[in-house]
PDB file of all heavy atoms in Angstrom:
ATOM      1  N   LEU A   1       0.805  -1.198   0.012  1.00  0.00           N
ATOM      2  CA  LEU A   1      -0.003  -0.016   0.003  1.00  0.00           C
ATOM      3  C   LEU A   1       0.778   1.216  -0.015  1.00  0.00           C
ATOM      4  O   LEU A   1       0.518   2.279  -0.675  1.00  0.00           O
ATOM      5  CB  LEU A   1      -0.926   0.009   1.249  1.00  0.00           C
ATOM      6  CG  LEU A   1      -1.924   1.159   1.284  1.00  0.00           C
ATOM      7  CD1 LEU A   1      -2.811   1.134  -0.045  1.00  0.00           C
ATOM      8  CD2 LEU A   1      -2.828   0.914   2.489  1.00  0.00           C
ATOM      9  N   LEU A   2       1.939   1.172   0.776  1.00  0.00           N
ATOM     10  CA  LEU A   2       2.810   2.437   0.719  1.00  0.00           C
ATOM     11  C   LEU A   2       3.446   2.655  -0.648  1.00  0.00           C
ATOM     12  O   LEU A   2       3.663   3.789  -1.102  1.00  0.00           O
ATOM     13  CB  LEU A   2       4.015   2.173   1.700  1.00  0.00           C
ATOM     14  CG  LEU A   2       3.644   2.343   3.168  1.00  0.00           C
ATOM     15  CD1 LEU A   2       4.852   2.020   4.050  1.00  0.00           C
ATOM     16  CD2 LEU A   2       3.188   3.735   3.569  1.00  0.00           C
ATOM     17  N   LYS A   3       3.637   1.644  -1.443  1.00  0.00           N
ATOM     18  CA  LYS A   3       4.279   1.786  -2.812  1.00  0.00           C
ATOM     19  C   LYS A   3       3.116   1.917  -3.878  1.00  0.00           C
ATOM     20  O   LYS A   3       3.536   2.095  -5.068  1.00  0.00           O
ATOM     21  CB  LYS A   3       5.116   0.619  -3.073  1.00  0.00           C
ATOM     22  CG  LYS A   3       6.346   0.526  -2.206  1.00  0.00           C
ATOM     23  CD  LYS A   3       7.264  -0.704  -2.685  1.00  0.00           C
ATOM     24  CE  LYS A   3       6.621  -1.974  -2.542  1.00  0.00           C
ATOM     25  NZ  LYS A   3       7.595  -3.115  -2.866  1.00  0.00           N
ATOM     26  N   PHE A   4       1.984   1.749  -3.520  1.00  0.00           N
ATOM     27  CA  PHE A   4       0.813   1.783  -4.495  1.00  0.00           C
ATOM     28  C   PHE A   4       0.823   2.969  -5.375  1.00  0.00           C
ATOM     29  O   PHE A   4       0.899   4.072  -4.915  1.00  0.00           O
ATOM     30  CB  PHE A   4      -0.519   1.549  -3.884  1.00  0.00           C
ATOM     31  CG  PHE A   4      -1.757   1.682  -4.703  1.00  0.00           C
ATOM     32  CD1 PHE A   4      -1.997   0.639  -5.647  1.00  0.00           C
ATOM     33  CD2 PHE A   4      -2.541   2.725  -4.696  1.00  0.00           C
ATOM     34  CE1 PHE A   4      -3.024   0.744  -6.522  1.00  0.00           C
ATOM     35  CE2 PHE A   4      -3.634   2.836  -5.620  1.00  0.00           C
ATOM     36  CZ  PHE A   4      -3.842   1.895  -6.526  1.00  0.00           C
ATOM     37  N   ASP A   5       0.661   2.807  -6.721  1.00  0.00           N
ATOM     38  CA  ASP A   5       0.570   3.899  -7.633  1.00  0.00           C
ATOM     39  C   ASP A   5      -0.798   3.835  -8.334  1.00  0.00           C
ATOM     40  O   ASP A   5      -0.993   2.926  -9.254  1.00  0.00           O
ATOM     41  CB  ASP A   5       1.650   3.773  -8.726  1.00  0.00           C
ATOM     42  CG  ASP A   5       1.644   5.032  -9.702  1.00  0.00           C
ATOM     43  OD1 ASP A   5       0.719   5.853  -9.552  1.00  0.00           O
ATOM     44  OD2 ASP A   5       2.513   4.972 -10.625  1.00  0.00           O
ATOM     45  N   PRO A   6      -1.738   4.671  -8.010  1.00  0.00           N
ATOM     46  CA  PRO A   6      -3.042   4.579  -8.633  1.00  0.00           C
ATOM     47  C   PRO A   6      -3.120   4.880 -10.141  1.00  0.00           C
ATOM     48  O   PRO A   6      -3.996   4.401 -10.811  1.00  0.00           O
ATOM     49  CB  PRO A   6      -3.858   5.685  -7.893  1.00  0.00           C
ATOM     50  CG  PRO A   6      -2.769   6.701  -7.326  1.00  0.00           C
ATOM     51  CD  PRO A   6      -1.604   5.844  -7.079  1.00  0.00           C
ATOM     52  N   HIS A   7      -2.090   5.465 -10.665  1.00  0.00           N
ATOM     53  CA  HIS A   7      -2.091   5.837 -12.045  1.00  0.00           C
ATOM     54  C   HIS A   7      -2.043   4.599 -12.967  1.00  0.00           C
ATOM     55  O   HIS A   7      -2.507   4.605 -14.122  1.00  0.00           O
ATOM     56  CB  HIS A   7      -0.867   6.767 -12.379  1.00  0.00           C
ATOM     57  CG  HIS A   7      -1.011   8.136 -11.733  1.00  0.00           C
ATOM     58  ND1 HIS A   7      -0.376   8.386 -10.533  1.00  0.00           N
ATOM     59  CD2 HIS A   7      -1.579   9.262 -12.068  1.00  0.00           C
ATOM     60  CE1 HIS A   7      -0.549   9.658 -10.136  1.00  0.00           C
ATOM     61  NE2 HIS A   7      -1.355  10.250 -11.081  1.00  0.00           N
ATOM     62  N   VAL A   8      -1.371   3.526 -12.367  1.00  0.00           N
ATOM     63  CA  VAL A   8      -1.296   2.348 -13.160  1.00  0.00           C
ATOM     64  C   VAL A   8      -2.695   1.736 -13.463  1.00  0.00           C
ATOM     65  O   VAL A   8      -3.043   1.433 -14.621  1.00  0.00           O
ATOM     66  CB  VAL A   8      -0.506   1.305 -12.410  1.00  0.00           C
ATOM     67  CG1 VAL A   8      -0.491  -0.024 -13.143  1.00  0.00           C
ATOM     68  CG2 VAL A   8       0.916   1.820 -12.289  1.00  0.00           C
ATOM     69  N   LEU A   9      -3.512   1.707 -12.356  1.00  0.00           N
ATOM     70  CA  LEU A   9      -4.890   1.204 -12.586  1.00  0.00           C
ATOM     71  C   LEU A   9      -5.763   2.107 -13.425  1.00  0.00           C
ATOM     72  O   LEU A   9      -6.595   1.700 -14.254  1.00  0.00           O
ATOM     73  CB  LEU A   9      -5.582   0.921 -11.232  1.00  0.00           C
ATOM     74  CG  LEU A   9      -5.046  -0.256 -10.382  1.00  0.00           C
ATOM     75  CD1 LEU A   9      -5.836  -0.444  -9.147  1.00  0.00           C
ATOM     76  CD2 LEU A   9      -5.103  -1.576 -11.213  1.00  0.00           C
ATOM     77  N   HIS A  10      -5.582   3.425 -13.137  1.00  0.00           N
ATOM     78  CA  HIS A  10      -6.399   4.384 -13.942  1.00  0.00           C
ATOM     79  C   HIS A  10      -5.987   4.337 -15.392  1.00  0.00           C
ATOM     80  O   HIS A  10      -6.925   4.476 -16.227  1.00  0.00           O
ATOM     81  CB  HIS A  10      -6.125   5.786 -13.413  1.00  0.00           C
ATOM     82  CG  HIS A  10      -6.909   6.088 -12.076  1.00  0.00           C
ATOM     83  ND1 HIS A  10      -8.272   5.835 -11.986  1.00  0.00           N
ATOM     84  CD2 HIS A  10      -6.507   6.685 -10.915  1.00  0.00           C
ATOM     85  CE1 HIS A  10      -8.635   6.209 -10.787  1.00  0.00           C
ATOM     86  NE2 HIS A  10      -7.649   6.694 -10.113  1.00  0.00           N
ATOM     87  N   ASP A  11      -4.783   4.199 -15.723  1.00  0.00           N
ATOM     88  CA  ASP A  11      -4.386   4.117 -17.080  1.00  0.00           C
ATOM     89  C   ASP A  11      -4.895   2.872 -17.744  1.00  0.00           C
ATOM     90  O   ASP A  11      -5.322   2.860 -18.936  1.00  0.00           O
ATOM     91  CB  ASP A  11      -2.825   4.095 -17.224  1.00  0.00           C
ATOM     92  CG  ASP A  11      -2.224   5.460 -16.922  1.00  0.00           C
ATOM     93  OD1 ASP A  11      -2.983   6.507 -16.957  1.00  0.00           O
ATOM     94  OD2 ASP A  11      -0.991   5.519 -16.723  1.00  0.00           O
ATOM     95  N   THR A  12      -4.939   1.777 -16.983  1.00  0.00           N
ATOM     96  CA  THR A  12      -5.488   0.470 -17.550  1.00  0.00           C
ATOM     97  C   THR A  12      -7.012   0.669 -17.766  1.00  0.00           C
ATOM     98  O   THR A  12      -7.529   0.138 -18.785  1.00  0.00           O
ATOM     99  CB  THR A  12      -5.184  -0.699 -16.505  1.00  0.00           C
ATOM    100  OG1 THR A  12      -3.895  -0.733 -16.224  1.00  0.00           O
ATOM    101  CG2 THR A  12      -5.739  -1.978 -17.100  1.00  0.00           C
ATOM    102  N   ALA A  13      -7.705   1.320 -16.798  1.00  0.00           N
ATOM    103  CA  ALA A  13      -9.064   1.526 -16.939  1.00  0.00           C
ATOM    104  C   ALA A  13      -9.335   2.450 -18.240  1.00  0.00           C
ATOM    105  O   ALA A  13     -10.245   2.197 -18.942  1.00  0.00           O
ATOM    106  CB  ALA A  13      -9.581   2.334 -15.739  1.00  0.00           C
ATOM    107  N   LYS A  14      -8.443   3.427 -18.460  1.00  0.00           N
ATOM    108  CA  LYS A  14      -8.581   4.278 -19.571  1.00  0.00           C
ATOM    109  C   LYS A  14      -8.518   3.414 -20.857  1.00  0.00           C
ATOM    110  O   LYS A  14      -9.279   3.642 -21.841  1.00  0.00           O
ATOM    111  CB  LYS A  14      -7.514   5.331 -19.555  1.00  0.00           C
ATOM    112  CG  LYS A  14      -7.656   6.351 -20.736  1.00  0.00           C
ATOM    113  CD  LYS A  14      -6.549   7.450 -20.604  1.00  0.00           C
ATOM    114  CE  LYS A  14      -6.695   8.498 -21.699  1.00  0.00           C
ATOM    115  NZ  LYS A  14      -5.612   9.481 -21.523  1.00  0.00           N
ATOM    116  N   GLY A  15      -7.673   2.434 -20.878  1.00  0.00           N
ATOM    117  CA  GLY A  15      -7.532   1.573 -22.053  1.00  0.00           C
ATOM    118  C   GLY A  15      -8.743   0.716 -22.272  1.00  0.00           C
ATOM    119  O   GLY A  15      -9.256   0.556 -23.478  1.00  0.00           O
ATOM    120  N   TRP A  16      -9.320   0.204 -21.216  1.00  0.00           N
ATOM    121  CA  TRP A  16     -10.614  -0.543 -21.378  1.00  0.00           C
ATOM    122  C   TRP A  16     -11.728   0.331 -21.860  1.00  0.00           C
ATOM    123  O   TRP A  16     -12.533  -0.018 -22.714  1.00  0.00           O
ATOM    124  CB  TRP A  16     -10.944  -1.170 -20.037  1.00  0.00           C
ATOM    125  CG  TRP A  16     -10.277  -2.515 -19.697  1.00  0.00           C
ATOM    126  CD1 TRP A  16      -9.194  -2.604 -18.843  1.00  0.00           C
ATOM    127  CD2 TRP A  16     -10.476  -3.668 -20.325  1.00  0.00           C
ATOM    128  NE1 TRP A  16      -8.744  -3.913 -18.836  1.00  0.00           N
ATOM    129  CE2 TRP A  16      -9.511  -4.654 -19.748  1.00  0.00           C
ATOM    130  CE3 TRP A  16     -11.347  -4.215 -21.316  1.00  0.00           C
ATOM    131  CZ2 TRP A  16      -9.502  -5.997 -20.151  1.00  0.00           C
ATOM    132  CZ3 TRP A  16     -11.266  -5.494 -21.688  1.00  0.00           C
ATOM    133  CH2 TRP A  16     -10.365  -6.356 -21.085  1.00  0.00           C
ATOM    134  N   ARG A  17     -11.734   1.549 -21.316  1.00  0.00           N
ATOM    135  CA  ARG A  17     -12.804   2.486 -21.657  1.00  0.00           C
ATOM    136  C   ARG A  17     -12.618   2.882 -23.143  1.00  0.00           C
ATOM    137  O   ARG A  17     -13.619   3.071 -23.922  1.00  0.00           O
ATOM    138  CB  ARG A  17     -12.808   3.699 -20.773  1.00  0.00           C
ATOM    139  CG  ARG A  17     -14.064   4.595 -20.937  1.00  0.00           C
ATOM    140  CD  ARG A  17     -14.209   5.494 -19.768  1.00  0.00           C
ATOM    141  NE  ARG A  17     -14.744   4.810 -18.595  1.00  0.00           N
ATOM    142  CZ  ARG A  17     -14.059   4.551 -17.409  1.00  0.00           C
ATOM    143  NH1 ARG A  17     -12.855   5.102 -17.339  1.00  0.00           N
ATOM    144  NH2 ARG A  17     -14.600   4.016 -16.446  1.00  0.00           N
ATOM    145  N   GLY A  18     -11.428   3.029 -23.572  1.00  0.00           N
ATOM    146  CA  GLY A  18     -11.165   3.303 -25.007  1.00  0.00           C
ATOM    147  C   GLY A  18     -11.670   2.191 -25.914  1.00  0.00           C
ATOM    148  O   GLY A  18     -12.130   2.459 -26.990  1.00  0.00           O
ATOM    149  N   LEU A  19     -11.441   0.952 -25.419  1.00  0.00           N
ATOM    150  CA  LEU A  19     -11.975  -0.141 -26.230  1.00  0.00           C
ATOM    151  C   LEU A  19     -13.505  -0.099 -26.314  1.00  0.00           C
ATOM    152  O   LEU A  19     -13.995  -0.364 -27.343  1.00  0.00           O
ATOM    153  CB  LEU A  19     -11.486  -1.498 -25.518  1.00  0.00           C
ATOM    154  CG  LEU A  19     -12.047  -2.782 -26.153  1.00  0.00           C
ATOM    155  CD1 LEU A  19     -11.658  -2.924 -27.614  1.00  0.00           C
ATOM    156  CD2 LEU A  19     -11.640  -3.960 -25.257  1.00  0.00           C
ATOM    157  N   SER A  20     -14.111   0.197 -25.245  1.00  0.00           N
ATOM    158  CA  SER A  20     -15.540   0.245 -25.208  1.00  0.00           C
ATOM    159  C   SER A  20     -16.066   1.312 -26.177  1.00  0.00           C
ATOM    160  O   SER A  20     -17.007   1.085 -26.972  1.00  0.00           O
ATOM    161  CB  SER A  20     -16.090   0.591 -23.811  1.00  0.00           C
ATOM    162  OG  SER A  20     -17.429   0.705 -23.757  1.00  0.00           O
ATOM    163  N   HIS A  21     -15.458   2.468 -26.126  1.00  0.00           N
ATOM    164  CA  HIS A  21     -15.798   3.583 -27.108  1.00  0.00           C
ATOM    165  C   HIS A  21     -15.561   3.167 -28.544  1.00  0.00           C
ATOM    166  O   HIS A  21     -16.314   3.452 -29.426  1.00  0.00           O
ATOM    167  CB  HIS A  21     -15.140   4.870 -26.732  1.00  0.00           C
ATOM    168  CG  HIS A  21     -15.494   5.355 -25.389  1.00  0.00           C
ATOM    169  ND1 HIS A  21     -14.827   6.404 -24.829  1.00  0.00           N
ATOM    170  CD2 HIS A  21     -16.354   4.927 -24.455  1.00  0.00           C
ATOM    171  CE1 HIS A  21     -15.314   6.564 -23.614  1.00  0.00           C
ATOM    172  NE2 HIS A  21     -16.221   5.703 -23.390  1.00  0.00           N
ATOM    173  N   ALA A  22     -14.431   2.436 -28.762  1.00  0.00           N
ATOM    174  CA  ALA A  22     -14.092   2.076 -30.154  1.00  0.00           C
ATOM    175  C   ALA A  22     -15.129   1.087 -30.671  1.00  0.00           C
ATOM    176  O   ALA A  22     -15.534   1.197 -31.817  1.00  0.00           O
ATOM    177  CB  ALA A  22     -12.674   1.414 -30.209  1.00  0.00           C
ATOM    178  N   VAL A  23     -15.545   0.137 -29.883  1.00  0.00           N
ATOM    179  CA  VAL A  23     -16.471  -0.897 -30.428  1.00  0.00           C
ATOM    180  C   VAL A  23     -17.846  -0.270 -30.560  1.00  0.00           C
ATOM    181  O   VAL A  23     -18.565  -0.636 -31.419  1.00  0.00           O
ATOM    182  CB  VAL A  23     -16.540  -2.088 -29.575  1.00  0.00           C
ATOM    183  CG1 VAL A  23     -15.221  -2.928 -29.602  1.00  0.00           C
ATOM    184  CG2 VAL A  23     -16.983  -1.886 -28.161  1.00  0.00           C
ATOM    185  N   GLU A  24     -18.181   0.674 -29.672  1.00  0.00           N
ATOM    186  CA  GLU A  24     -19.446   1.397 -29.832  1.00  0.00           C
ATOM    187  C   GLU A  24     -19.430   2.113 -31.178  1.00  0.00           C
ATOM    188  O   GLU A  24     -20.513   2.084 -31.868  1.00  0.00           O
ATOM    189  CB  GLU A  24     -19.655   2.394 -28.729  1.00  0.00           C
ATOM    190  CG  GLU A  24     -20.910   3.331 -28.877  1.00  0.00           C
ATOM    191  CD  GLU A  24     -20.851   4.524 -27.936  1.00  0.00           C
ATOM    192  OE1 GLU A  24     -19.902   4.663 -27.173  1.00  0.00           O
ATOM    193  OE2 GLU A  24     -21.900   5.258 -27.961  1.00  0.00           O
ATOM    194  N   ASP A  25     -18.382   2.787 -31.544  1.00  0.00           N
ATOM    195  CA  ASP A  25     -18.264   3.510 -32.745  1.00  0.00           C
ATOM    196  C   ASP A  25     -18.352   2.456 -33.917  1.00  0.00           C
ATOM    197  O   ASP A  25     -18.981   2.783 -34.937  1.00  0.00           O
ATOM    198  CB  ASP A  25     -16.976   4.299 -32.870  1.00  0.00           C
ATOM    199  CG  ASP A  25     -16.845   5.050 -34.137  1.00  0.00           C
ATOM    200  OD1 ASP A  25     -17.689   5.947 -34.372  1.00  0.00           O
ATOM    201  OD2 ASP A  25     -15.927   4.813 -34.916  1.00  0.00           O
ATOM    202  N   ALA A  26     -17.602   1.365 -33.800  1.00  0.00           N
ATOM    203  CA  ALA A  26     -17.695   0.432 -34.772  1.00  0.00           C
ATOM    204  C   ALA A  26     -19.064  -0.230 -35.050  1.00  0.00           C
ATOM    205  O   ALA A  26     -19.528  -0.449 -36.193  1.00  0.00           O
ATOM    206  CB  ALA A  26     -16.701  -0.818 -34.474  1.00  0.00           C
ATOM    207  N   GLY A  27     -19.727  -0.470 -33.957  1.00  0.00           N
ATOM    208  CA  GLY A  27     -21.144  -0.914 -34.025  1.00  0.00           C
ATOM    209  C   GLY A  27     -22.061   0.034 -34.740  1.00  0.00           C
ATOM    210  O   GLY A  27     -22.883  -0.342 -35.571  1.00  0.00           O
ATOM    211  N   SER A  28     -21.919   1.347 -34.437  1.00  0.00           N
ATOM    212  CA  SER A  28     -22.689   2.375 -35.064  1.00  0.00           C
ATOM    213  C   SER A  28     -22.496   2.382 -36.582  1.00  0.00           C
ATOM    214  O   SER A  28     -23.364   2.521 -37.388  1.00  0.00           O
ATOM    215  CB  SER A  28     -22.453   3.705 -34.372  1.00  0.00           C
ATOM    216  OG  SER A  28     -23.125   4.715 -35.000  1.00  0.00           O
ATOM    217  N   ARG A  29     -21.180   2.369 -36.923  1.00  0.00           N
ATOM    218  CA  ARG A  29     -20.833   2.394 -38.347  1.00  0.00           C
ATOM    219  C   ARG A  29     -21.252   1.129 -39.070  1.00  0.00           C
ATOM    220  O   ARG A  29     -21.676   1.203 -40.225  1.00  0.00           O
ATOM    221  CB  ARG A  29     -19.324   2.585 -38.495  1.00  0.00           C
ATOM    222  CG  ARG A  29     -18.768   3.939 -38.189  1.00  0.00           C
ATOM    223  CD  ARG A  29     -17.391   4.273 -38.501  1.00  0.00           C
ATOM    224  NE  ARG A  29     -16.502   3.604 -37.493  1.00  0.00           N
ATOM    225  CZ  ARG A  29     -15.708   2.611 -37.685  1.00  0.00           C
ATOM    226  NH1 ARG A  29     -15.743   2.069 -38.933  1.00  0.00           N
ATOM    227  NH2 ARG A  29     -14.954   2.173 -36.761  1.00  0.00           N
ATOM    228  N   HIS A  30     -21.165  -0.007 -38.436  1.00  0.00           N
ATOM    229  CA  HIS A  30     -21.664  -1.289 -38.977  1.00  0.00           C
ATOM    230  C   HIS A  30     -23.110  -1.217 -39.243  1.00  0.00           C
ATOM    231  O   HIS A  30     -23.624  -1.559 -40.365  1.00  0.00           O
ATOM    232  CB  HIS A  30     -21.314  -2.401 -38.093  1.00  0.00           C
ATOM    233  CG  HIS A  30     -21.735  -3.823 -38.605  1.00  0.00           C
ATOM    234  ND1 HIS A  30     -22.980  -4.282 -38.484  1.00  0.00           N
ATOM    235  CD2 HIS A  30     -20.976  -4.705 -39.335  1.00  0.00           C
ATOM    236  CE1 HIS A  30     -23.092  -5.474 -39.075  1.00  0.00           C
ATOM    237  NE2 HIS A  30     -21.852  -5.761 -39.589  1.00  0.00           N
ATOM    238  N   ARG A  31     -23.931  -0.695 -38.393  1.00  0.00           N
ATOM    239  CA  ARG A  31     -25.367  -0.550 -38.523  1.00  0.00           C
ATOM    240  C   ARG A  31     -25.645   0.443 -39.655  1.00  0.00           C
ATOM    241  O   ARG A  31     -26.552   0.137 -40.549  1.00  0.00           O
ATOM    242  CB  ARG A  31     -26.042  -0.161 -37.262  1.00  0.00           C
ATOM    243  CG  ARG A  31     -26.259  -1.297 -36.196  1.00  0.00           C
ATOM    244  CD  ARG A  31     -27.040  -0.840 -35.031  1.00  0.00           C
ATOM    245  NE  ARG A  31     -26.218  -0.031 -34.161  1.00  0.00           N
ATOM    246  CZ  ARG A  31     -25.464  -0.475 -33.185  1.00  0.00           C
ATOM    247  NH1 ARG A  31     -25.408  -1.743 -33.000  1.00  0.00           N
ATOM    248  NH2 ARG A  31     -24.765   0.375 -32.393  1.00  0.00           N
ATOM    249  N   GLY A  32     -25.020   1.507 -39.639  1.00  0.00           N
ATOM    250  CA  GLY A  32     -25.248   2.563 -40.615  1.00  0.00           C
ATOM    251  C   GLY A  32     -24.887   2.373 -42.018  1.00  0.00           C
ATOM    252  O   GLY A  32     -25.583   2.722 -42.970  1.00  0.00           O
ATOM    253  N   LYS A  33     -23.674   1.711 -42.214  1.00  0.00           N
ATOM    254  CA  LYS A  33     -23.040   1.578 -43.499  1.00  0.00           C
ATOM    255  C   LYS A  33     -23.074   0.168 -44.116  1.00  0.00           C
ATOM    256  O   LYS A  33     -22.838   0.019 -45.241  1.00  0.00           O
ATOM    257  CB  LYS A  33     -21.567   2.051 -43.412  1.00  0.00           C
ATOM    258  CG  LYS A  33     -21.398   3.534 -43.039  1.00  0.00           C
ATOM    259  CD  LYS A  33     -20.021   3.932 -43.114  1.00  0.00           C
ATOM    260  CE  LYS A  33     -19.840   5.514 -42.806  1.00  0.00           C
ATOM    261  NZ  LYS A  33     -18.474   5.944 -42.905  1.00  0.00           N
ATOM    262  N   VAL A  34     -23.456  -0.747 -43.206  1.00  0.00           N
ATOM    263  CA  VAL A  34     -23.535  -2.165 -43.780  1.00  0.00           C
ATOM    264  C   VAL A  34     -24.911  -2.762 -43.558  1.00  0.00           C
ATOM    265  O   VAL A  34     -25.571  -3.124 -44.554  1.00  0.00           O
ATOM    266  CB  VAL A  34     -22.487  -3.106 -43.004  1.00  0.00           C
ATOM    267  CG1 VAL A  34     -22.604  -4.503 -43.551  1.00  0.00           C
ATOM    268  CG2 VAL A  34     -21.100  -2.569 -43.162  1.00  0.00           C
ATOM    269  N   ASN A  35     -25.401  -2.731 -42.362  1.00  0.00           N
ATOM    270  CA  ASN A  35     -26.634  -3.416 -42.041  1.00  0.00           C
ATOM    271  C   ASN A  35     -27.811  -2.642 -42.727  1.00  0.00           C
ATOM    272  O   ASN A  35     -28.665  -3.313 -43.386  1.00  0.00           O
ATOM    273  CB  ASN A  35     -26.852  -3.512 -40.549  1.00  0.00           C
ATOM    274  CG  ASN A  35     -27.953  -4.631 -40.165  1.00  0.00           C
ATOM    275  OD1 ASN A  35     -28.573  -5.030 -41.010  1.00  0.00           O
ATOM    276  ND2 ASN A  35     -27.832  -4.929 -38.928  1.00  0.00           N
ATOM    277  N   VAL A  36     -27.918  -1.441 -42.451  1.00  0.00           N
ATOM    278  CA  VAL A  36     -29.046  -0.628 -42.968  1.00  0.00           C
ATOM    279  C   VAL A  36     -29.219  -0.642 -44.505  1.00  0.00           C
ATOM    280  O   VAL A  36     -30.259  -1.008 -45.078  1.00  0.00           O
ATOM    281  CB  VAL A  36     -29.025   0.785 -42.457  1.00  0.00           C
ATOM    282  CG1 VAL A  36     -30.020   1.695 -43.264  1.00  0.00           C
ATOM    283  CG2 VAL A  36     -29.328   0.849 -41.026  1.00  0.00           C
ATOM    284  N   PRO A  37     -28.080  -0.376 -45.299  1.00  0.00           N
ATOM    285  CA  PRO A  37     -28.172  -0.374 -46.717  1.00  0.00           C
ATOM    286  C   PRO A  37     -28.619  -1.769 -47.239  1.00  0.00           C
ATOM    287  O   PRO A  37     -29.408  -1.928 -48.206  1.00  0.00           O
ATOM    288  CB  PRO A  37     -26.747   0.008 -47.176  1.00  0.00           C
ATOM    289  CG  PRO A  37     -26.229   0.820 -46.102  1.00  0.00           C
ATOM    290  CD  PRO A  37     -26.738   0.119 -44.823  1.00  0.00           C
TER     291      PRO A  37
END
């Protein structure tokens, strides 16, 4: 606990959140440009 660095977990969380946003965008584009037409 004395050596704990919260930035490591926050940076990892940021990566997971970036993945979530990327697939959300991919899903939206898939529906709009592939599925719908």
